[in-house]
Protein backbone atom coordinates (compact mmCIF):
# COMPACT_ATOMS: atom_id res chain seq x y z
CA MET A 1 116.90 118.24 107.26
CA ASP A 2 120.28 117.04 108.53
CA ARG A 3 120.57 114.07 110.87
CA LEU A 4 121.15 116.13 114.02
CA LYS A 5 118.03 118.22 113.46
CA GLN A 6 116.05 115.10 112.59
CA GLU A 7 117.09 113.41 115.84
CA GLU A 8 116.23 116.53 117.82
CA PHE A 9 112.80 116.55 116.17
CA ILE A 10 112.24 112.84 116.95
CA GLU A 11 113.17 113.34 120.60
CA GLU A 12 110.94 116.41 120.82
CA VAL A 13 108.00 114.45 119.41
CA LYS A 14 108.55 111.54 121.80
CA ALA A 15 108.85 113.94 124.75
CA GLY A 16 105.57 115.59 123.73
CA ASN A 17 103.73 112.27 123.55
CA GLU A 18 104.04 110.48 126.88
CA ILE A 19 103.59 106.81 126.04
CA THR A 20 100.94 105.88 128.63
CA SER A 21 98.88 108.88 127.55
CA VAL A 22 99.01 107.90 123.88
CA ILE A 23 98.43 104.19 124.41
CA GLY A 24 95.71 104.94 126.93
CA GLU A 25 93.65 106.43 124.09
CA TYR A 26 93.54 102.96 122.51
CA VAL A 27 93.95 100.51 125.40
CA SER A 28 92.39 100.43 128.85
CA LEU A 29 95.44 100.42 131.15
CA ARG A 30 95.68 99.76 134.88
CA LYS A 31 98.70 100.44 137.01
CA ARG A 32 100.64 97.49 138.39
CA GLY A 33 103.82 98.36 140.22
CA SER A 34 105.87 100.77 138.16
CA SER A 35 104.23 99.70 134.88
CA PHE A 36 100.78 99.65 133.31
CA LEU A 37 98.99 96.55 132.08
CA GLY A 38 96.22 96.02 129.54
CA LEU A 39 94.81 93.73 126.85
CA CYS A 40 97.04 93.74 123.78
CA PRO A 41 95.51 95.61 120.80
CA PHE A 42 97.57 93.56 118.35
CA HIS A 43 96.22 90.10 119.12
CA GLN A 44 93.21 88.56 120.83
CA GLU A 45 93.69 87.67 124.48
CA LYS A 46 91.61 87.36 127.65
CA THR A 47 94.42 87.77 130.21
CA PRO A 48 96.31 91.09 129.97
CA SER A 49 99.91 90.67 128.82
CA PHE A 50 100.47 94.11 127.28
CA ASN A 51 103.00 96.02 129.41
CA VAL A 52 103.73 99.78 129.24
CA ASN A 53 106.72 101.15 131.10
CA PRO A 54 106.46 104.94 131.58
CA GLU A 55 109.97 105.22 133.02
CA LYS A 56 111.65 103.72 129.96
CA GLN A 57 108.89 104.87 127.55
CA PHE A 58 108.55 101.39 126.03
CA PHE A 59 105.70 98.96 125.54
CA TYR A 60 105.92 95.19 125.17
CA CYS A 61 103.39 92.38 124.83
CA PHE A 62 104.47 89.12 126.44
CA GLY A 63 101.77 87.34 124.47
CA CYS A 64 102.65 88.19 120.87
CA GLY A 65 106.11 89.72 121.26
CA THR A 66 105.24 93.14 119.86
CA GLY A 67 107.16 96.00 121.43
CA GLY A 68 108.73 99.39 120.90
CA ASP A 69 108.31 103.08 121.71
CA VAL A 70 105.43 105.46 121.15
CA ILE A 71 106.31 105.85 117.46
CA ASN A 72 106.24 102.08 116.91
CA PHE A 73 102.87 101.90 118.63
CA ILE A 74 101.30 104.50 116.34
CA MET A 75 102.91 102.92 113.28
CA ARG A 76 101.16 99.64 114.13
CA MET A 77 97.85 101.04 115.35
CA GLU A 78 97.37 103.52 112.51
CA ASN A 79 99.25 101.55 109.82
CA LEU A 80 101.69 104.36 109.13
CA THR A 81 105.29 104.53 107.98
CA PHE A 82 107.90 105.91 110.38
CA PRO A 83 107.77 109.46 108.90
CA GLU A 84 103.96 109.40 108.82
CA ALA A 85 103.74 108.27 112.45
CA LEU A 86 106.24 110.95 113.44
CA ASN A 87 104.17 113.64 111.74
CA TRP A 88 100.96 112.22 113.25
CA LEU A 89 102.40 112.46 116.76
CA ALA A 90 103.85 115.90 116.06
CA GLU A 91 100.39 117.17 115.11
CA ARG A 92 98.92 115.56 118.23
CA ALA A 93 101.44 117.36 120.42
CA GLY A 94 101.13 120.66 118.54
CA ILE A 95 104.76 120.51 117.37
CA SER A 96 105.58 122.28 114.11
CA LEU A 97 106.68 119.91 111.35
CA PRO A 98 110.20 120.35 110.01
CA VAL A 99 110.71 121.71 106.53
CA LYS A 100 111.02 119.02 103.86
CA GLU A 101 114.42 118.59 102.27
CA THR A 102 113.57 119.29 98.63
CA PRO A 103 111.29 121.88 97.01
CA ALA A 104 109.40 119.07 95.24
CA GLU A 105 108.66 117.35 98.58
CA GLN A 106 107.59 120.65 100.10
CA ARG A 107 105.20 121.34 97.21
CA ALA A 108 103.72 117.81 97.28
CA GLN A 109 103.20 117.88 101.05
CA LYS A 110 101.72 121.38 100.92
CA GLU A 111 99.34 120.37 98.12
CA ARG A 112 98.16 117.26 99.98
CA GLU A 113 97.51 119.19 103.18
CA TRP A 114 95.64 121.87 101.25
CA LEU A 115 93.49 119.26 99.50
CA PHE A 116 92.69 117.60 102.83
CA ARG A 117 91.56 120.95 104.20
CA LEU A 118 89.37 121.52 101.14
CA HIS A 119 87.70 118.14 101.61
CA LYS A 120 87.11 118.81 105.29
CA LEU A 121 85.55 122.17 104.43
CA ALA A 122 83.37 120.52 101.79
CA ALA A 123 82.29 117.72 104.15
CA LEU A 124 81.21 120.23 106.81
CA TYR A 125 79.38 122.27 104.17
CA TYR A 126 77.49 119.26 102.84
CA ARG A 127 76.75 118.11 106.39
CA LYS A 128 75.26 121.50 107.27
CA ILE A 129 73.10 121.49 104.14
CA LEU A 130 71.74 118.07 105.11
CA THR A 131 70.99 118.80 108.74
CA GLU A 132 70.25 122.52 108.98
CA THR A 133 68.61 123.73 105.76
CA PRO A 134 65.31 123.19 103.95
CA ALA A 135 67.32 122.05 100.92
CA GLY A 136 68.29 118.96 102.92
CA ASN A 137 64.67 117.84 103.47
CA LYS A 138 64.75 115.52 100.47
CA ALA A 139 67.93 113.80 101.61
CA ARG A 140 66.73 113.50 105.22
CA ALA A 141 63.50 111.91 103.98
CA TYR A 142 65.47 109.50 101.81
CA LEU A 143 67.65 108.44 104.76
CA GLU A 144 64.57 107.91 106.91
CA GLU A 145 62.97 105.85 104.15
CA ARG A 146 66.10 103.69 103.91
CA GLY A 147 66.16 103.20 107.66
CA ILE A 148 69.40 105.12 108.33
CA THR A 149 69.37 106.65 111.80
CA PRO A 150 70.57 110.21 112.54
CA ALA A 151 73.29 108.70 114.75
CA ALA A 152 74.68 106.63 111.86
CA ALA A 153 74.49 109.62 109.53
CA GLU A 154 76.43 111.67 112.10
CA GLU A 155 79.07 108.99 112.67
CA PHE A 156 79.82 108.75 108.95
CA LEU A 157 79.41 112.52 108.35
CA LEU A 158 76.79 112.07 105.65
CA GLY A 159 75.90 115.21 103.75
CA TYR A 160 73.83 116.55 100.88
CA ALA A 161 74.98 118.45 97.80
CA PRO A 162 72.12 120.79 96.91
CA ASP A 163 70.62 120.94 93.43
CA SER A 164 72.79 123.93 92.60
CA TRP A 165 75.56 124.41 90.06
CA THR A 166 77.73 126.66 92.22
CA GLY A 167 76.99 126.00 95.92
CA LEU A 168 80.50 124.79 96.75
CA VAL A 169 82.12 127.14 94.25
CA ASP A 170 80.44 130.08 96.00
CA LEU A 171 81.74 128.84 99.37
CA PHE A 172 85.30 128.58 98.06
CA GLN A 173 85.09 132.09 96.60
CA LYS A 174 83.72 133.41 99.88
CA LYS A 175 86.72 131.87 101.64
CA ASN A 176 89.08 133.47 99.05
CA LEU A 177 90.28 130.06 97.89
CA SER A 178 91.80 129.63 94.43
CA LEU A 179 89.27 127.89 92.19
CA GLN A 180 92.02 126.92 89.77
CA ALA A 181 93.88 125.14 92.55
CA ALA A 182 90.66 123.71 93.99
CA GLU A 183 89.95 122.04 90.66
CA LYS A 184 92.69 119.49 91.54
CA SER A 185 90.49 118.28 94.39
CA GLY A 186 87.88 116.99 91.96
CA LEU A 187 85.19 118.80 93.98
CA ILE A 188 84.64 121.41 91.28
CA LEU A 189 84.97 121.36 87.50
CA ARG A 190 85.70 123.99 84.88
CA GLY A 191 83.29 124.52 82.00
CA GLU A 192 82.78 127.08 79.25
CA LYS A 193 80.98 129.44 81.62
CA GLY A 194 83.33 128.98 84.57
CA TYR A 195 83.61 126.65 87.52
CA TYR A 196 80.73 124.48 88.78
CA ASP A 197 80.13 121.81 91.46
CA ARG A 198 80.83 118.15 90.63
CA PHE A 199 78.18 116.90 93.07
CA ARG A 200 74.62 118.21 92.68
CA ASP A 201 71.40 116.85 94.22
CA ARG A 202 73.26 113.93 95.73
CA LEU A 203 73.42 112.29 99.14
CA LEU A 204 77.15 112.34 99.91
CA PHE A 205 79.25 109.73 101.67
CA PRO A 206 82.66 111.11 102.73
CA ILE A 207 85.44 108.60 102.04
CA SER A 208 88.17 108.86 104.68
CA ASN A 209 91.68 107.50 104.91
CA PRO A 210 92.48 105.13 107.82
CA GLN A 211 93.33 108.17 109.97
CA GLY A 212 89.88 109.69 109.47
CA ARG A 213 90.79 112.49 107.06
CA VAL A 214 88.26 112.97 104.24
CA ALA A 215 89.95 112.33 100.89
CA ALA A 216 86.98 111.90 98.52
CA PHE A 217 83.21 111.57 98.26
CA GLY A 218 80.71 109.10 96.88
CA GLY A 219 77.38 110.60 95.81
CA ARG A 220 73.98 108.96 95.36
CA LEU A 221 71.68 110.87 92.98
CA LEU A 222 68.29 111.66 94.55
CA GLY A 223 66.61 113.07 91.46
CA GLU A 224 66.36 111.97 87.84
CA GLY A 225 69.48 111.40 85.77
CA VAL A 226 72.64 109.34 85.49
CA PRO A 227 74.89 108.08 86.86
CA LYS A 228 73.07 106.88 89.95
CA TYR A 229 76.34 106.80 91.92
CA LEU A 230 79.26 109.16 91.31
CA ASN A 231 82.64 109.04 93.04
CA SER A 232 85.39 111.62 93.24
CA PRO A 233 87.95 111.31 90.44
CA GLU A 234 91.56 110.23 90.89
CA THR A 235 93.45 112.95 92.79
CA PRO A 236 96.74 113.26 94.70
CA LEU A 237 94.70 112.10 97.72
CA PHE A 238 92.37 109.51 96.26
CA SER A 239 92.54 106.39 94.14
CA LYS A 240 89.38 104.28 94.15
CA GLY A 241 91.24 100.98 94.27
CA ARG A 242 93.19 101.95 97.39
CA TYR A 243 90.34 102.92 99.72
CA LEU A 244 87.79 100.94 101.71
CA TYR A 245 84.75 102.89 102.81
CA GLY A 246 84.31 102.91 106.58
CA LEU A 247 87.77 101.54 107.43
CA PHE A 248 88.45 104.42 109.81
CA GLN A 249 85.27 103.67 111.78
CA ALA A 250 85.71 99.88 111.59
CA LYS A 251 89.43 99.31 112.22
CA GLU A 252 89.28 98.94 116.00
CA ALA A 253 86.34 96.52 115.80
CA ILE A 254 88.19 94.54 113.12
CA ARG A 255 91.18 94.18 115.45
CA ARG A 256 88.99 93.34 118.40
CA GLU A 257 86.87 90.71 116.61
CA GLY A 258 89.72 89.29 114.56
CA ARG A 259 87.99 89.58 111.19
CA ALA A 260 86.61 92.09 108.69
CA VAL A 261 83.28 91.81 106.90
CA VAL A 262 83.37 93.32 103.41
CA VAL A 263 80.17 94.50 101.73
CA GLU A 264 79.62 96.26 98.41
CA GLY A 265 77.72 99.46 99.01
CA TYR A 266 77.46 102.46 101.27
CA MET A 267 73.97 101.54 102.45
CA ASP A 268 75.04 97.97 103.16
CA LEU A 269 77.73 99.31 105.47
CA LEU A 270 75.54 101.87 107.22
CA GLN A 271 72.81 99.33 107.94
CA ALA A 272 75.40 96.89 109.27
CA HIS A 273 77.10 99.40 111.56
CA GLN A 274 73.88 100.69 113.09
CA ALA A 275 72.80 97.06 113.63
CA GLY A 276 75.92 96.47 115.72
CA PHE A 277 78.27 94.96 113.10
CA LYS A 278 81.07 97.47 113.62
CA ASN A 279 83.73 95.46 111.78
CA VAL A 280 82.17 96.04 108.35
CA VAL A 281 83.87 97.91 105.49
CA ALA A 282 82.66 98.50 101.94
CA ALA A 283 84.54 98.01 98.67
CA LEU A 284 84.23 100.93 96.27
CA GLY A 285 83.20 98.61 93.47
CA THR A 286 82.73 94.83 93.27
CA ALA A 287 86.26 93.72 92.34
CA LEU A 288 88.64 94.02 95.30
CA THR A 289 92.17 95.23 94.60
CA ARG A 290 95.62 94.40 95.96
CA ASP A 291 95.82 97.75 97.74
CA GLN A 292 92.51 97.10 99.47
CA ALA A 293 93.65 93.59 100.42
CA ARG A 294 96.88 94.98 101.89
CA ALA A 295 94.90 97.59 103.81
CA LEU A 296 92.73 94.86 105.36
CA ARG A 297 95.71 92.63 106.08
CA ARG A 298 97.20 95.30 108.35
CA TYR A 299 94.29 94.79 110.73
CA THR A 300 93.31 91.12 110.39
CA GLU A 301 94.04 87.79 108.74
CA TYR A 302 90.37 86.95 108.13
CA ALA A 303 87.90 88.48 105.68
CA VAL A 304 84.24 87.57 105.26
CA ILE A 305 82.74 88.71 101.95
CA ALA A 306 79.03 89.54 101.81
CA PHE A 307 78.33 90.59 98.22
CA ASP A 308 75.12 90.31 96.20
CA ALA A 309 74.03 86.75 95.51
CA ASP A 310 73.48 86.79 91.72
CA LEU A 311 75.79 84.76 89.47
CA ALA A 312 77.04 87.81 87.56
CA GLY A 313 78.05 89.48 90.81
CA GLN A 314 79.85 86.34 91.94
CA ALA A 315 81.79 86.16 88.68
CA ALA A 316 82.87 89.78 88.99
CA ALA A 317 83.97 89.27 92.59
CA MET A 318 85.90 86.03 91.96
CA ARG A 319 89.23 87.66 91.04
CA GLY A 320 88.99 89.96 94.03
CA LEU A 321 88.61 86.96 96.34
CA ASP A 322 91.76 85.43 94.87
CA ILE A 323 93.59 88.71 95.47
CA LEU A 324 92.59 88.63 99.13
CA LYS A 325 93.96 85.10 99.46
CA GLU A 326 97.17 85.99 97.60
CA ASN A 327 97.75 88.77 100.11
CA GLY A 328 97.58 86.46 103.10
CA LEU A 329 93.92 86.70 104.07
CA GLN A 330 91.79 83.67 104.88
CA VAL A 331 88.53 84.23 103.01
CA GLN A 332 84.99 83.20 103.86
CA VAL A 333 82.01 84.04 101.66
CA VAL A 334 78.45 84.72 102.80
CA THR A 335 75.65 83.31 100.66
CA LEU A 336 72.82 85.84 100.70
CA PRO A 337 69.25 84.91 99.74
CA PRO A 338 68.42 85.53 96.05
CA GLY A 339 67.68 89.17 95.36
CA GLU A 340 68.96 90.36 98.73
CA ASP A 341 71.93 92.44 99.80
CA PRO A 342 73.02 93.18 103.39
CA ASP A 343 71.02 96.43 103.39
CA SER A 344 67.71 94.82 102.39
CA LEU A 345 68.29 91.73 104.53
CA LEU A 346 68.99 93.74 107.68
CA ARG A 347 65.90 95.88 107.13
CA LYS A 348 63.63 92.90 106.48
CA GLU A 349 65.02 90.20 108.75
CA GLY A 350 67.08 92.09 111.35
CA PRO A 351 70.57 91.57 112.82
CA GLY A 352 69.90 87.97 113.86
CA ALA A 353 69.42 86.79 110.28
CA PHE A 354 72.60 88.53 109.11
CA ARG A 355 74.58 87.11 112.01
CA GLN A 356 73.43 83.59 111.13
CA LEU A 357 74.59 84.06 107.55
CA LEU A 358 77.98 85.29 108.74
CA GLU A 359 78.41 82.24 110.95
CA ALA A 360 77.36 79.96 108.06
CA SER A 361 79.80 81.55 105.61
CA LYS A 362 81.66 79.20 103.26
CA ASP A 363 85.38 78.85 102.81
CA LEU A 364 86.72 80.06 99.47
CA PHE A 365 87.03 76.57 97.96
CA THR A 366 83.41 75.65 98.75
CA PHE A 367 82.19 78.96 97.39
CA LYS A 368 84.05 78.42 94.12
CA LEU A 369 82.82 74.84 93.89
CA ASP A 370 79.24 76.07 94.32
CA TYR A 371 79.85 78.71 91.66
CA PHE A 372 81.18 76.19 89.13
CA LEU A 373 78.31 73.81 89.86
CA GLU A 374 75.74 76.55 89.40
CA LYS A 375 77.38 77.72 86.20
CA ALA A 376 77.91 74.29 84.60
CA LYS A 377 74.69 72.56 85.76
CA PRO A 378 76.49 69.18 85.71
CA GLY A 379 73.73 66.79 84.70
CA THR A 380 75.87 64.84 82.24
CA PRO A 381 79.23 63.07 82.62
CA GLU A 382 80.80 65.65 80.31
CA LYS A 383 79.56 68.54 82.48
CA LYS A 384 80.84 66.80 85.60
CA ALA A 385 84.26 66.42 83.97
CA GLN A 386 84.15 70.12 83.11
CA VAL A 387 83.61 71.02 86.77
CA VAL A 388 86.46 68.75 87.89
CA LYS A 389 88.75 70.37 85.32
CA ALA A 390 87.87 73.83 86.68
CA ILE A 391 88.49 72.69 90.26
CA LEU A 392 91.92 71.09 89.70
CA PRO A 393 93.91 74.37 89.82
CA LEU A 394 92.25 75.14 93.17
CA LEU A 395 93.38 71.79 94.53
CA ALA A 396 96.91 72.58 93.35
CA GLU A 397 96.92 75.81 95.35
CA GLU A 398 96.27 73.91 98.60
CA GLU A 399 99.55 72.73 100.13
CA ASN A 400 98.06 70.90 103.12
CA MET A 401 97.38 67.30 102.08
CA VAL A 402 94.68 66.76 104.71
CA VAL A 403 92.77 69.82 103.52
CA ARG A 404 93.23 68.83 99.89
CA GLU A 405 91.89 65.35 100.59
CA GLU A 406 88.82 66.87 102.24
CA TYR A 407 88.27 69.09 99.18
CA ILE A 408 88.49 66.06 96.90
CA ARG A 409 85.90 64.30 99.05
CA ARG A 410 83.55 67.30 98.78
CA VAL A 411 83.88 67.44 94.99
CA ALA A 412 83.12 63.73 94.71
CA VAL A 413 80.04 64.00 96.92
CA ARG A 414 78.65 67.04 95.09
CA LEU A 415 79.19 65.50 91.65
CA GLU A 416 78.04 62.03 92.77
CA VAL A 417 81.21 60.36 91.54
CA SER A 418 83.86 58.33 93.36
CA GLU A 419 86.67 59.98 95.30
CA GLU A 420 89.07 57.74 93.40
CA ALA A 421 87.95 59.25 90.08
CA VAL A 422 88.53 62.81 91.28
CA TYR A 423 91.83 61.84 92.89
CA THR A 424 93.00 60.17 89.68
CA GLU A 425 92.28 63.35 87.71
CA TRP A 426 94.10 65.36 90.36
CA ARG A 427 97.18 63.11 90.13
CA LYS A 428 97.24 63.46 86.34
CA TYR A 429 96.96 67.23 86.63
CA ALA A 430 99.65 67.45 89.32
CA ARG A 431 101.99 65.24 87.29
CA ALA A 432 101.54 67.45 84.23
CA GLN A 433 102.24 70.57 86.28
CA ARG A 434 105.42 69.03 87.72
CA LYS A 435 106.68 68.21 84.25
CA LYS A 436 106.23 71.83 83.22
CA LYS A 437 108.15 73.16 86.21
CA GLN A 438 110.81 70.48 86.76
CA PRO A 439 112.26 68.24 84.04
CA LEU A 440 113.34 65.47 86.39
CA ASP A 441 111.67 63.98 89.44
CA ILE A 442 113.62 65.12 92.51
CA LYS A 443 113.07 61.89 94.41
CA ARG A 444 114.39 59.77 91.54
CA LYS A 445 117.46 61.98 91.35
CA SER A 446 118.25 61.89 95.04
CA ARG A 447 117.33 58.26 95.80
CA ASN A 448 120.75 57.70 97.40
CA THR A 449 120.33 60.66 99.79
CA ASN A 450 118.12 61.33 102.77
CA ASP A 451 114.59 62.42 101.93
CA ILE A 452 114.83 66.21 102.08
CA THR A 453 111.81 68.42 101.86
CA HIS A 454 111.43 72.10 102.55
CA PRO A 455 111.10 72.22 106.33
CA ALA A 456 108.40 74.27 107.94
CA GLY A 457 109.79 77.27 109.72
CA LEU A 458 113.23 77.25 108.03
CA PRO A 459 114.25 80.18 105.86
CA PRO A 460 114.52 79.72 102.10
CA ALA A 461 117.85 79.23 100.42
CA ALA A 462 118.31 82.71 99.01
CA PRO A 463 119.74 85.01 101.67
CA GLY A 464 118.33 88.41 102.41
CA LYS A 465 114.95 87.85 100.81
CA THR A 466 112.60 86.77 103.56
CA GLU A 467 110.24 88.89 105.57
CA ARG A 468 111.02 89.62 109.19
CA GLU A 469 110.18 86.61 111.36
CA THR A 470 108.65 86.28 114.80
CA PRO A 471 110.61 87.46 117.86
CA SER A 472 111.95 83.92 118.48
CA HIS A 473 113.85 83.85 115.18
CA PRO A 474 117.50 83.09 116.05
CA GLU A 475 118.81 85.98 113.94
CA ARG A 476 116.63 88.36 115.92
CA GLU A 477 117.81 86.86 119.20
CA VAL A 478 121.41 87.37 118.09
CA LEU A 479 120.70 91.06 117.52
CA ARG A 480 119.20 91.35 121.00
CA LEU A 481 122.41 89.88 122.40
CA CYS A 482 124.49 92.37 120.41
CA LEU A 483 122.61 95.27 121.94
CA GLN A 484 122.96 93.90 125.47
CA GLU A 485 126.75 93.84 125.60
CA LYS A 486 129.47 94.97 123.21
CA LYS A 487 131.52 91.84 123.90
CA ASN A 488 128.62 89.77 122.56
CA LEU A 489 128.99 91.55 119.23
CA GLU A 490 132.66 90.52 119.06
CA ARG A 491 131.85 86.86 119.75
CA ILE A 492 128.91 86.79 117.35
CA LYS A 493 130.89 88.39 114.54
CA GLU A 494 133.42 85.55 114.81
CA ALA A 495 130.83 82.80 115.28
CA LEU A 496 128.73 83.88 112.28
CA SER A 497 131.62 84.23 109.87
CA GLY A 498 130.60 82.65 106.56
CA ILE A 499 126.93 82.35 107.54
CA ASP A 500 124.34 84.09 105.35
CA TRP A 501 121.58 86.13 106.97
CA THR A 502 118.12 85.16 105.77
CA VAL A 503 116.25 88.33 106.80
CA GLU A 504 117.50 91.41 104.99
CA GLU A 505 116.46 93.82 107.72
CA TYR A 506 118.41 91.80 110.33
CA ARG A 507 121.49 91.68 108.07
CA LEU A 508 121.46 95.45 107.58
CA PHE A 509 121.01 95.98 111.31
CA PHE A 510 124.01 93.76 112.10
CA ILE A 511 126.13 95.61 109.55
CA ARG A 512 125.14 98.90 111.17
CA LEU A 513 126.12 97.55 114.60
CA LEU A 514 129.57 96.72 113.26
CA GLU A 515 129.83 100.22 111.77
CA VAL A 516 129.03 101.93 115.10
CA TYR A 517 131.18 99.54 117.15
CA THR A 518 133.39 102.40 118.30
CA ALA A 519 130.46 104.28 119.87
CA GLU A 520 131.29 105.40 123.41
CA SER A 521 128.07 104.18 124.98
CA TRP A 522 126.48 100.76 124.51
CA PRO A 523 123.92 100.02 123.30
CA PRO A 524 124.52 102.71 120.70
CA PRO A 525 121.90 105.47 120.68
CA ALA A 526 118.96 105.31 118.27
CA SER A 527 120.30 108.39 116.49
CA LEU A 528 123.05 106.25 114.93
CA PHE A 529 120.49 104.09 113.09
CA PRO A 530 118.71 105.15 109.86
CA ALA A 531 114.95 105.60 109.87
CA GLU A 532 114.32 102.26 108.13
CA LEU A 533 116.03 100.41 111.01
CA ARG A 534 114.75 102.56 113.86
CA SER A 535 111.57 100.53 114.34
CA LEU A 536 113.55 97.30 114.74
CA TYR A 537 115.96 99.02 117.13
CA THR A 538 113.19 100.13 119.48
CA GLU A 539 111.50 96.72 119.34
CA LEU A 540 114.73 94.95 120.30
CA GLN A 541 115.40 97.47 123.06
CA ALA A 542 111.88 97.01 124.38
CA GLU A 543 112.36 93.24 124.50
CA ASN A 544 115.63 93.69 126.40
CA GLU A 545 114.36 96.40 128.73
CA LEU A 546 110.99 94.91 129.66
CA GLY A 547 112.12 91.58 131.00
CA LEU A 548 112.07 89.17 128.06
CA LEU A 549 114.26 86.20 128.96
CA PRO A 550 117.83 86.65 127.66
CA PRO A 551 118.74 84.51 124.66
CA ASP A 552 121.36 81.77 124.76
CA LEU A 553 124.29 83.12 122.74
CA ASP A 554 125.92 79.76 121.99
CA GLY A 555 122.55 78.17 121.27
CA CYS A 556 121.58 80.90 118.82
CA CYS A 557 124.89 80.65 116.96
CA ARG A 558 124.61 76.86 116.74
CA ARG A 559 121.03 77.14 115.47
CA LEU A 560 122.11 79.59 112.75
CA ARG A 561 124.94 77.25 111.76
CA GLN A 562 122.42 74.40 111.54
CA LEU A 563 120.11 76.49 109.37
CA GLN A 564 123.03 77.39 107.10
CA LEU A 565 123.85 73.71 106.56
CA SER A 566 120.17 72.98 105.91
CA ARG A 567 120.06 75.65 103.21
CA GLU A 568 123.23 74.32 101.59
CA ILE A 569 121.72 70.81 101.55
CA ARG A 570 118.55 72.10 99.88
CA GLN A 571 120.58 74.03 97.31
CA ILE A 572 122.63 70.96 96.35
CA GLN A 573 119.42 68.92 96.24
CA GLN A 574 118.04 71.31 93.63
CA GLU A 575 121.24 71.05 91.62
CA VAL A 576 121.02 67.26 91.78
CA ALA A 577 117.51 67.47 90.36
CA ALA A 578 118.70 69.58 87.44
CA ALA A 579 121.75 67.43 86.58
CA ALA A 580 121.71 65.08 83.61
CA GLU A 581 121.32 61.33 84.17
CA ASP A 582 124.60 59.49 84.97
CA SER A 583 126.66 62.62 84.29
CA PRO A 584 129.92 63.43 86.14
CA GLU A 585 128.17 66.51 87.49
CA LEU A 586 125.41 64.37 89.02
CA HIS A 587 127.91 62.08 90.79
CA GLU A 588 129.87 65.10 92.03
CA LYS A 589 126.72 66.72 93.44
CA LEU A 590 125.58 63.50 95.11
CA ALA A 591 128.99 63.12 96.76
CA LEU A 592 128.83 66.69 98.03
CA LEU A 593 125.30 66.10 99.31
CA ASN A 594 126.40 63.06 101.29
CA LYS A 595 129.35 65.06 102.66
CA LEU A 596 127.01 67.79 103.90
CA HIS A 597 124.79 65.17 105.54
CA ARG A 598 127.80 63.70 107.36
CA GLN A 599 128.83 67.17 108.44
CA MET A 600 125.31 67.82 109.76
CA ARG A 601 125.32 64.56 111.74
CA GLU A 602 128.77 65.25 113.18
CA GLU A 603 128.05 68.82 114.25
CA PHE A 604 124.48 68.12 115.35
CA PRO A 605 124.21 64.49 116.48
CA SER A 606 120.60 64.87 117.58
CA PHE A 607 119.54 66.15 114.15
CA SER A 608 117.41 63.51 112.42
CA GLY A 609 117.10 65.01 108.96
CA LEU A 610 114.93 67.68 107.38
CA ARG A 611 111.23 67.10 107.58
């Protein structure tokens, strides 16, 4: 599809999805003047600061700085890419999707859509068997025995695959669907005597994507045989390590409550949801994956893990907890009573007991400390030393000195040794790690310079590598100024000459602004920006249009110049650290470092050094 047709399609989709109508499906809005106001769905707040302007078709939150058009909103709410959000809104408005550019893309998209339709057909078939036929009596009795209410079964579209080899195959044939093509769905298999159903005599749990489209099934065997649980195989729609069961039903509660609770099994989740814990999702297996962590991170920064309490289960889950932390989630772990899981606990003790355990959840360090203590049984000095050795890498991961000191205190108390002993071992470990990573001590090398450490909030030295920052980032403010007036672009281009951009997306946007400088109207229309920059364009326009205070042009340019000098100082500092003792190179670098410090003091007299 050429650019003109693509832009026409984008405008048609936006025109067919009036922004207050779309946002109103997610946020309770009330009219105030010419705009609408509501509680922001992207951060927790008690006083509404989320503004929707129907005239300009923009939204903006004055609390967290999130803004944009209807496409941006759906991208954030449904965790979609720009093309996916565009297609989502097109389907909502009943607008035909444009033809894909290449035959391969057309075939892949057509196959995915066909497989989604097959799974929807299968889910409805299994649901009907469960609720409307005598064959479903066994499964209904099992759900009643396990305490699952009809309402919960309906919400999660539970079904039953009858004890038949060809129930679903017969349905597909009746619908004149190709069995050979349907085999790719994983719902049917091919044997020596023809095609047969994968799932037989199983209670079925449809596994949906975050948009609620069924992509796979998990099946619990109700009769004799193995395996007890059977999932759909890997397909173009489904990969076990990418999905979280119940995320579609839980995502709004996760946003609202600010955290997700992760359990292991289907029954754990169902019991939790019907008990009022709507922010619960289930891992499809004990070990959490990076894809699952990233999926959670789109909705929250906090995850509470409520897995089985046995030591073997804890060991299997340990790597998954680290993956959650590595992907930016703060992790708490629930300690369940021995032999219990959330399902059994909720049935025996009720919601109150589960809520108490959630509130008493441990931080990741304490959980790991408990695990090592339980595993090592440190009754001897040697066992205690073994636990300390296992804990040292965890202390190294913690950058905050206050938190690390508290962790050291906890280890000492639990092992009944002195804090000084643990701290001494930590210092020895940290010193050994520094020697591996850095041949020379940076402080010894730069003793004649100011004490320079990596300052919080400043971009790293390498340009173009950082993630996009908060709306107050000076590079972002500069871009807002460029869109406001063309003359600002001219001044900024001159002022920023020789200064490296630290956010790649901002750099590319600025380059594009220079490329479209000759555009007749200003700001230039969105059609002149590629899809990967369109989201940023609409956010910046929303900030300008909906009353965000205008940035200070001179102040922003001076701040960027200051940041540039700070990065140069850090770079030279690193080179000083790597230089040989008393070498000409070392003296040259130290002289240059002092020169940069003088330059910083002259240009920015109030600057007191990097902290």
